[in-house]
Protein backbone atom coordinates (compact mmCIF):
# COMPACT_ATOMS: atom_id res chain seq x y z
CA MET A 1 -6.27 -37.45 8.02
CA GLU A 2 -3.10 -36.38 6.19
CA ALA A 3 -5.12 -34.55 3.54
CA LEU A 4 -6.88 -32.54 6.25
CA GLU A 5 -3.56 -31.64 7.91
CA GLU A 6 -2.15 -30.50 4.56
CA LYS A 7 -5.22 -28.31 3.94
CA ILE A 8 -4.81 -26.78 7.38
CA ARG A 9 -1.12 -26.10 6.68
CA ILE A 10 -2.01 -24.41 3.39
CA VAL A 11 -4.63 -22.20 5.03
CA VAL A 12 -2.26 -21.25 7.86
CA ARG A 13 0.53 -20.42 5.37
CA GLU A 14 -1.82 -18.23 3.31
CA GLU A 15 -3.07 -16.39 6.40
CA LEU A 16 0.47 -15.81 7.66
CA LYS A 17 1.48 -14.49 4.24
CA LYS A 18 -1.47 -12.05 4.25
CA PHE A 19 -0.61 -10.94 7.78
CA GLU A 20 3.02 -10.41 6.81
CA GLU A 21 2.07 -8.34 3.76
CA ASP A 22 -0.31 -6.17 5.79
CA PHE A 23 2.27 -5.74 8.54
CA PHE A 24 5.01 -4.59 6.15
CA ILE A 25 2.67 -2.23 4.29
CA ARG A 26 1.68 -0.66 7.60
CA PHE A 27 5.34 -0.51 8.68
CA ARG A 28 6.28 1.30 5.47
CA PHE A 29 3.50 3.87 5.96
CA GLU A 30 4.48 4.45 9.57
CA SER A 31 8.14 4.96 8.66
CA LEU A 32 7.39 7.60 6.00
CA PRO A 33 8.15 11.16 7.04
CA PRO A 34 5.05 13.30 7.50
CA VAL A 35 4.12 15.64 4.66
CA ASN A 36 1.94 18.64 5.42
CA ASP A 37 -0.78 19.86 3.06
CA GLU A 38 1.37 22.64 1.57
CA GLU A 39 4.23 20.25 0.79
CA GLN A 40 1.77 17.79 -0.77
CA ARG A 41 0.35 20.51 -3.04
CA ASP A 42 3.90 21.45 -4.11
CA ILE A 43 4.69 17.82 -4.92
CA GLU A 44 1.50 17.47 -6.95
CA LYS A 45 2.23 20.75 -8.74
CA LEU A 46 5.73 19.59 -9.67
CA TYR A 47 4.94 16.02 -10.69
CA GLY A 48 1.19 15.95 -11.30
CA ASP A 49 1.32 16.69 -15.04
CA GLU A 50 4.02 14.08 -15.55
CA LEU A 51 1.99 11.46 -13.71
CA LEU A 52 -1.21 12.32 -15.55
CA GLY A 53 0.31 12.05 -19.01
CA LYS A 54 -1.86 9.04 -19.82
CA ASP A 55 -5.26 9.54 -18.24
CA GLU A 56 -6.31 5.99 -19.00
CA THR A 57 -3.43 4.39 -17.10
CA ASP A 58 -1.94 6.97 -14.72
CA ILE A 59 -3.79 8.44 -11.79
CA ALA A 60 -2.36 10.78 -9.17
CA TYR A 61 -4.38 11.78 -6.15
CA THR A 62 -4.02 12.80 -2.56
CA SER A 63 -5.45 10.80 0.28
CA LYS A 64 -5.09 11.12 4.01
CA LEU A 65 -4.45 7.86 5.79
CA LYS A 66 -5.16 7.44 9.47
CA ILE A 67 -3.24 4.56 10.98
């Protein structure tokens, strides 16, 4: 019976950890200031070449997230 309780505790801890990670990621996205399309293009123009210096390892792209 103790082994079963320990397995349940492990599963609950893992699920709470996943929930916490998802919650904080969402919180970070929601607390970011909005950037309009023109500002995003300016940012990519300024820093895009620097980020794409190593095509194999660095990738810069724009994505719209709906939360």
